[in-house]
Amino acid sequence: MEYYFNCIYDFFKSTYDSLLNLKLNFFYSANVVPPHIKVYINENIDIKKIDIKNKSGDTGYIDFIIKEDFPVGSNVVYGYDKFNRFFLSVLYCETKRPEYYHVMTIFERYSNDPHLIVSAGYKFIENVVATWNLSLDRMDSQIANFFKLINDGMVDVEYFDNNDLTYKSIQYKLYDNYNDEDEYVNIRL
């Protein structure tokens, strides 16, 4: 009996995997923002697609997107890497220090698991790699702030300052990427 159960399980598992791959291949070939990401972004947000060709980070992460990769006038871009992993990058700065800009990228960690999302590049306050499963109902504040920045153009982020042991707040905004002639300092931690 166990043998038959395993055969049936294997059949349904392989059928599910095949359907998932068909669905993913459809989105990859269409080169659109996948619906499990698009659901977090307002419809009126203009997101430009960029082609990163065969670039890859040393660790396999998509952690090499810089300001020069953003088309002039754009501060939110998306694309797919050579492994067909979706990525979404935001160009932003501190409201009080707009001359210092940052790039934060989220991307699918594995091409066969579109809901496992990791971050790369500069993060809000904490400079750690964060991982999220977007199939869960709850959203970590780090990823929630990422989408709030995209949708609202601005986000207030609270953090704990270890020097004076108090909570503080920093306001970030989407970077004004229209004036391409000015020189800006790129902080990439």
C-alpha atoms as a PDB file:
ATOM      1  CA  MET A   1       0.000   0.000   0.000  1.00  0.00           C
ATOM      2  CA  GLU A   2       2.841   2.364   0.865  1.00  0.00           C
ATOM      3  CA  TYR A   3       4.333   1.787  -2.592  1.00  0.00           C
ATOM      4  CA  TYR A   4       1.104   2.931  -4.292  1.00  0.00           C
ATOM      5  CA  PHE A   5       0.848   5.939  -2.028  1.00  0.00           C
ATOM      6  CA  ASN A   6       4.421   6.939  -2.922  1.00  0.00           C
ATOM      7  CA  CYS A   7       3.692   6.517  -6.640  1.00  0.00           C
ATOM      8  CA  ILE A   8       0.596   8.713  -6.413  1.00  0.00           C
ATOM      9  CA  TYR A   9       2.471  11.280  -4.335  1.00  0.00           C
ATOM     10  CA  ASP A  10       5.361  11.368  -6.829  1.00  0.00           C
ATOM     11  CA  PHE A  11       2.921  11.783  -9.725  1.00  0.00           C
ATOM     12  CA  PHE A  12       1.124  14.739  -8.128  1.00  0.00           C
ATOM     13  CA  LYS A  13       4.387  16.309  -6.971  1.00  0.00           C
ATOM     14  CA  SER A  14       5.920  16.124 -10.452  1.00  0.00           C
ATOM     15  CA  THR A  15       2.692  17.453 -12.003  1.00  0.00           C
ATOM     16  CA  TYR A  16       2.674  20.382  -9.554  1.00  0.00           C
ATOM     17  CA  ASP A  17       6.353  21.134 -10.241  1.00  0.00           C
ATOM     18  CA  SER A  18       5.726  21.025 -14.004  1.00  0.00           C
ATOM     19  CA  LEU A  19       2.792  23.429 -13.724  1.00  0.00           C
ATOM     20  CA  LEU A  20       4.809  25.774 -11.519  1.00  0.00           C
ATOM     21  CA  ASN A  21       7.648  25.788 -14.048  1.00  0.00           C
ATOM     22  CA  LEU A  22       5.195  26.483 -16.899  1.00  0.00           C
ATOM     23  CA  LYS A  23       3.768  29.409 -14.928  1.00  0.00           C
ATOM     24  CA  LEU A  24       7.215  30.776 -14.106  1.00  0.00           C
ATOM     25  CA  ASN A  25       8.443  30.379 -17.678  1.00  0.00           C
ATOM     26  CA  PHE A  26       5.412  32.331 -18.884  1.00  0.00           C
ATOM     27  CA  PHE A  27       6.325  35.308 -16.684  1.00  0.00           C
ATOM     28  CA  TYR A  28      10.015  35.089 -17.522  1.00  0.00           C
ATOM     29  CA  SER A  29       9.348  34.965 -21.261  1.00  0.00           C
ATOM     30  CA  ALA A  30       6.841  37.820 -20.954  1.00  0.00           C
ATOM     31  CA  ASN A  31       9.447  39.858 -19.026  1.00  0.00           C
ATOM     32  CA  VAL A  32       6.891  41.364 -16.683  1.00  0.00           C
ATOM     33  CA  VAL A  33       6.827  41.888 -12.942  1.00  0.00           C
ATOM     34  CA  PRO A  34       5.468  38.601 -11.531  1.00  0.00           C
ATOM     35  CA  PRO A  35       2.086  38.852  -9.805  1.00  0.00           C
ATOM     36  CA  HIS A  36       3.430  37.703  -6.415  1.00  0.00           C
ATOM     37  CA  ILE A  37       5.593  40.884  -6.443  1.00  0.00           C
ATOM     38  CA  LYS A  38       3.253  43.184  -8.376  1.00  0.00           C
ATOM     39  CA  VAL A  39       0.570  42.750  -5.716  1.00  0.00           C
ATOM     40  CA  TYR A  40       2.683  44.911  -3.370  1.00  0.00           C
ATOM     41  CA  ILE A  41       3.186  47.759  -5.879  1.00  0.00           C
ATOM     42  CA  ASN A  42       0.631  50.430  -6.787  1.00  0.00           C
ATOM     43  CA  GLU A  43      -0.557  50.270 -10.403  1.00  0.00           C
ATOM     44  CA  ASN A  44       0.519  53.835 -11.211  1.00  0.00           C
ATOM     45  CA  ILE A  45       4.196  53.217 -10.350  1.00  0.00           C
ATOM     46  CA  ASP A  46       6.426  53.339 -13.426  1.00  0.00           C
ATOM     47  CA  ILE A  47       8.973  50.544 -13.240  1.00  0.00           C
ATOM     48  CA  LYS A  48      11.527  50.298 -16.033  1.00  0.00           C
ATOM     49  CA  LYS A  49      12.982  46.989 -17.162  1.00  0.00           C
ATOM     50  CA  ILE A  50      16.764  46.762 -17.408  1.00  0.00           C
ATOM     51  CA  ASP A  51      18.903  44.071 -18.977  1.00  0.00           C
ATOM     52  CA  ILE A  52      21.839  42.973 -16.836  1.00  0.00           C
ATOM     53  CA  LYS A  53      22.963  40.485 -19.482  1.00  0.00           C
ATOM     54  CA  ASN A  54      25.118  37.748 -17.932  1.00  0.00           C
ATOM     55  CA  LYS A  55      26.342  39.722 -14.929  1.00  0.00           C
ATOM     56  CA  SER A  56      26.561  37.852 -11.648  1.00  0.00           C
ATOM     57  CA  GLY A  57      27.836  38.700  -8.197  1.00  0.00           C
ATOM     58  CA  ASP A  58      30.686  36.711  -6.668  1.00  0.00           C
ATOM     59  CA  THR A  59      28.274  35.049  -4.252  1.00  0.00           C
ATOM     60  CA  GLY A  60      25.546  34.433  -6.807  1.00  0.00           C
ATOM     61  CA  TYR A  61      23.547  37.335  -5.393  1.00  0.00           C
ATOM     62  CA  ILE A  62      22.252  40.181  -7.524  1.00  0.00           C
ATOM     63  CA  ASP A  63      24.237  42.709  -5.503  1.00  0.00           C
ATOM     64  CA  PHE A  64      25.928  44.686  -8.251  1.00  0.00           C
ATOM     65  CA  ILE A  65      23.138  47.041  -9.399  1.00  0.00           C
ATOM     66  CA  ILE A  66      24.411  50.648  -9.213  1.00  0.00           C
ATOM     67  CA  LYS A  67      23.043  54.094 -10.085  1.00  0.00           C
ATOM     68  CA  GLU A  68      24.445  53.879 -13.604  1.00  0.00           C
ATOM     69  CA  ASP A  69      22.217  50.852 -14.268  1.00  0.00           C
ATOM     70  CA  PHE A  70      19.091  52.995 -13.765  1.00  0.00           C
ATOM     71  CA  PRO A  71      17.797  54.831 -16.850  1.00  0.00           C
ATOM     72  CA  VAL A  72      17.784  58.610 -16.321  1.00  0.00           C
ATOM     73  CA  GLY A  73      14.454  59.545 -14.774  1.00  0.00           C
ATOM     74  CA  SER A  74      13.957  56.139 -13.152  1.00  0.00           C
ATOM     75  CA  ASN A  75      14.429  55.178  -9.548  1.00  0.00           C
ATOM     76  CA  VAL A  76      12.746  51.757  -9.606  1.00  0.00           C
ATOM     77  CA  VAL A  77      13.858  49.057 -12.056  1.00  0.00           C
ATOM     78  CA  TYR A  78      13.338  45.334 -12.524  1.00  0.00           C
ATOM     79  CA  GLY A  79      14.715  42.528 -14.631  1.00  0.00           C
ATOM     80  CA  TYR A  80      15.819  38.916 -14.748  1.00  0.00           C
ATOM     81  CA  ASP A  81      19.299  37.508 -14.343  1.00  0.00           C
ATOM     82  CA  LYS A  82      20.947  34.713 -16.331  1.00  0.00           C
ATOM     83  CA  PHE A  83      19.259  32.150 -14.032  1.00  0.00           C
ATOM     84  CA  ASN A  84      15.809  33.665 -14.729  1.00  0.00           C
ATOM     85  CA  ARG A  85      15.551  35.057 -11.224  1.00  0.00           C
ATOM     86  CA  PHE A  86      13.432  38.194 -10.932  1.00  0.00           C
ATOM     87  CA  PHE A  87      14.951  41.260  -9.245  1.00  0.00           C
ATOM     88  CA  LEU A  88      13.622  44.669  -8.246  1.00  0.00           C
ATOM     89  CA  SER A  89      15.973  47.564  -7.398  1.00  0.00           C
ATOM     90  CA  VAL A  90      15.293  50.945  -5.820  1.00  0.00           C
ATOM     91  CA  LEU A  91      17.511  54.030  -5.978  1.00  0.00           C
ATOM     92  CA  TYR A  92      16.954  56.163  -2.872  1.00  0.00           C
ATOM     93  CA  CYS A  93      18.588  58.595  -0.448  1.00  0.00           C
ATOM     94  CA  GLU A  94      18.179  60.115   2.985  1.00  0.00           C
ATOM     95  CA  THR A  95      15.848  63.105   2.833  1.00  0.00           C
ATOM     96  CA  LYS A  96      18.300  65.244   4.834  1.00  0.00           C
ATOM     97  CA  ARG A  97      21.310  64.117   2.783  1.00  0.00           C
ATOM     98  CA  PRO A  98      20.144  63.699  -0.829  1.00  0.00           C
ATOM     99  CA  GLU A  99      23.720  63.782  -2.129  1.00  0.00           C
ATOM    100  CA  TYR A 100      24.263  60.283  -0.686  1.00  0.00           C
ATOM    101  CA  TYR A 101      22.297  57.676  -2.576  1.00  0.00           C
ATOM    102  CA  HIS A 102      21.823  53.961  -2.061  1.00  0.00           C
ATOM    103  CA  VAL A 103      20.625  51.023  -4.126  1.00  0.00           C
ATOM    104  CA  MET A 104      18.644  48.212  -2.539  1.00  0.00           C
ATOM    105  CA  THR A 105      17.751  45.128  -4.539  1.00  0.00           C
ATOM    106  CA  ILE A 106      15.419  42.277  -3.718  1.00  0.00           C
ATOM    107  CA  PHE A 107      15.464  39.141  -5.836  1.00  0.00           C
ATOM    108  CA  GLU A 108      14.311  35.560  -6.037  1.00  0.00           C
ATOM    109  CA  ARG A 109      16.948  33.462  -4.278  1.00  0.00           C
ATOM    110  CA  TYR A 110      16.208  30.383  -6.357  1.00  0.00           C
ATOM    111  CA  SER A 111      14.634  30.246  -9.803  1.00  0.00           C
ATOM    112  CA  ASN A 112      12.374  27.357  -8.767  1.00  0.00           C
ATOM    113  CA  ASP A 113      11.022  29.122  -5.641  1.00  0.00           C
ATOM    114  CA  PRO A 114       9.609  32.530  -6.601  1.00  0.00           C
ATOM    115  CA  HIS A 115       8.410  33.332  -3.092  1.00  0.00           C
ATOM    116  CA  LEU A 116      11.798  33.139  -1.378  1.00  0.00           C
ATOM    117  CA  ILE A 117      13.071  36.714  -1.675  1.00  0.00           C
ATOM    118  CA  VAL A 118      16.432  38.027  -0.437  1.00  0.00           C
ATOM    119  CA  SER A 119      17.921  41.501  -0.346  1.00  0.00           C
ATOM    120  CA  ALA A 120      21.263  42.757  -1.546  1.00  0.00           C
ATOM    121  CA  GLY A 121      23.092  46.070  -1.598  1.00  0.00           C
ATOM    122  CA  TYR A 122      22.424  48.738   1.000  1.00  0.00           C
ATOM    123  CA  LYS A 123      19.565  48.093   3.416  1.00  0.00           C
ATOM    124  CA  PHE A 124      17.616  50.478   5.589  1.00  0.00           C
ATOM    125  CA  ILE A 125      19.861  50.949   8.640  1.00  0.00           C
ATOM    126  CA  GLU A 126      20.861  47.313   9.131  1.00  0.00           C
ATOM    127  CA  ASN A 127      23.467  46.148   6.668  1.00  0.00           C
ATOM    128  CA  VAL A 128      22.510  42.486   6.685  1.00  0.00           C
ATOM    129  CA  VAL A 129      21.154  40.144   4.089  1.00  0.00           C
ATOM    130  CA  ALA A 130      17.510  39.572   4.816  1.00  0.00           C
ATOM    131  CA  THR A 131      15.361  36.745   3.529  1.00  0.00           C
ATOM    132  CA  TRP A 132      11.582  36.786   3.207  1.00  0.00           C
ATOM    133  CA  ASN A 133       8.994  34.267   2.126  1.00  0.00           C
ATOM    134  CA  LEU A 134       6.356  36.296   0.288  1.00  0.00           C
ATOM    135  CA  SER A 135       3.874  33.436   0.451  1.00  0.00           C
ATOM    136  CA  LEU A 136       3.435  34.166   4.159  1.00  0.00           C
ATOM    137  CA  ASP A 137       0.736  36.570   5.317  1.00  0.00           C
ATOM    138  CA  ARG A 138       2.981  38.686   7.504  1.00  0.00           C
ATOM    139  CA  MET A 139       5.632  41.003   6.107  1.00  0.00           C
ATOM    140  CA  ASP A 140       8.891  41.949   7.814  1.00  0.00           C
ATOM    141  CA  SER A 141       9.310  45.703   8.425  1.00  0.00           C
ATOM    142  CA  GLN A 142      12.401  45.786   6.180  1.00  0.00           C
ATOM    143  CA  ILE A 143      10.529  44.525   3.096  1.00  0.00           C
ATOM    144  CA  ALA A 144       7.409  46.508   4.055  1.00  0.00           C
ATOM    145  CA  ASN A 145       9.550  49.681   4.107  1.00  0.00           C
ATOM    146  CA  PHE A 146      10.995  48.712   0.712  1.00  0.00           C
ATOM    147  CA  PHE A 147       7.521  48.575  -0.865  1.00  0.00           C
ATOM    148  CA  LYS A 148       6.345  51.661   1.048  1.00  0.00           C
ATOM    149  CA  LEU A 149       9.281  53.594  -0.406  1.00  0.00           C
ATOM    150  CA  ILE A 150       8.326  52.461  -3.920  1.00  0.00           C
ATOM    151  CA  ASN A 151       4.623  53.262  -3.481  1.00  0.00           C
ATOM    152  CA  ASP A 152       4.773  56.463  -1.426  1.00  0.00           C
ATOM    153  CA  GLY A 153       8.129  57.835  -2.573  1.00  0.00           C
ATOM    154  CA  MET A 154       9.143  58.255   1.060  1.00  0.00           C
ATOM    155  CA  VAL A 155       9.468  56.156   4.215  1.00  0.00           C
ATOM    156  CA  ASP A 156      10.352  56.804   7.859  1.00  0.00           C
ATOM    157  CA  VAL A 157      12.514  54.073   9.357  1.00  0.00           C
ATOM    158  CA  GLU A 158      13.033  53.704  13.088  1.00  0.00           C
ATOM    159  CA  TYR A 159      16.198  52.171  14.438  1.00  0.00           C
ATOM    160  CA  PHE A 160      17.933  51.704  17.751  1.00  0.00           C
ATOM    161  CA  ASP A 161      21.057  53.813  18.179  1.00  0.00           C
ATOM    162  CA  ASN A 162      23.548  51.793  20.211  1.00  0.00           C
ATOM    163  CA  ASN A 163      25.646  54.877  21.016  1.00  0.00           C
ATOM    164  CA  ASP A 164      23.036  56.716  23.081  1.00  0.00           C
ATOM    165  CA  LEU A 165      20.639  53.776  23.605  1.00  0.00           C
ATOM    166  CA  THR A 166      17.598  55.505  22.100  1.00  0.00           C
ATOM    167  CA  TYR A 167      15.301  54.958  19.160  1.00  0.00           C
ATOM    168  CA  LYS A 168      15.765  57.340  16.259  1.00  0.00           C
ATOM    169  CA  SER A 169      14.161  57.833  12.884  1.00  0.00           C
ATOM    170  CA  ILE A 170      15.560  58.452   9.420  1.00  0.00           C
ATOM    171  CA  GLN A 171      13.457  59.492   6.475  1.00  0.00           C
ATOM    172  CA  TYR A 172      14.332  58.082   3.062  1.00  0.00           C
ATOM    173  CA  LYS A 173      12.967  59.169  -0.293  1.00  0.00           C
ATOM    174  CA  LEU A 174      13.268  57.993  -3.860  1.00  0.00           C
ATOM    175  CA  TYR A 175      16.382  59.478  -5.388  1.00  0.00           C
ATOM    176  CA  ASP A 176      15.910  62.281  -7.925  1.00  0.00           C
ATOM    177  CA  ASN A 177      17.587  60.619 -10.887  1.00  0.00           C
ATOM    178  CA  TYR A 178      16.774  63.388 -13.351  1.00  0.00           C
ATOM    179  CA  ASN A 179      19.839  65.572 -13.054  1.00  0.00           C
ATOM    180  CA  ASP A 180      22.504  63.267 -14.464  1.00  0.00           C
ATOM    181  CA  GLU A 181      25.208  65.963 -14.677  1.00  0.00           C
ATOM    182  CA  ASP A 182      25.741  66.413 -10.921  1.00  0.00           C
ATOM    183  CA  GLU A 183      28.311  64.324  -9.127  1.00  0.00           C
ATOM    184  CA  TYR A 184      26.979  62.242  -6.266  1.00  0.00           C
ATOM    185  CA  VAL A 185      28.655  60.059  -3.707  1.00  0.00           C
ATOM    186  CA  ASN A 186      27.700  56.396  -3.907  1.00  0.00           C
ATOM    187  CA  ILE A 187      27.679  54.710  -0.510  1.00  0.00           C
ATOM    188  CA  ARG A 188      27.680  50.948  -0.973  1.00  0.00           C
ATOM    189  CA  LEU A 189      28.305  49.032   2.210  1.00  0.00           C
END
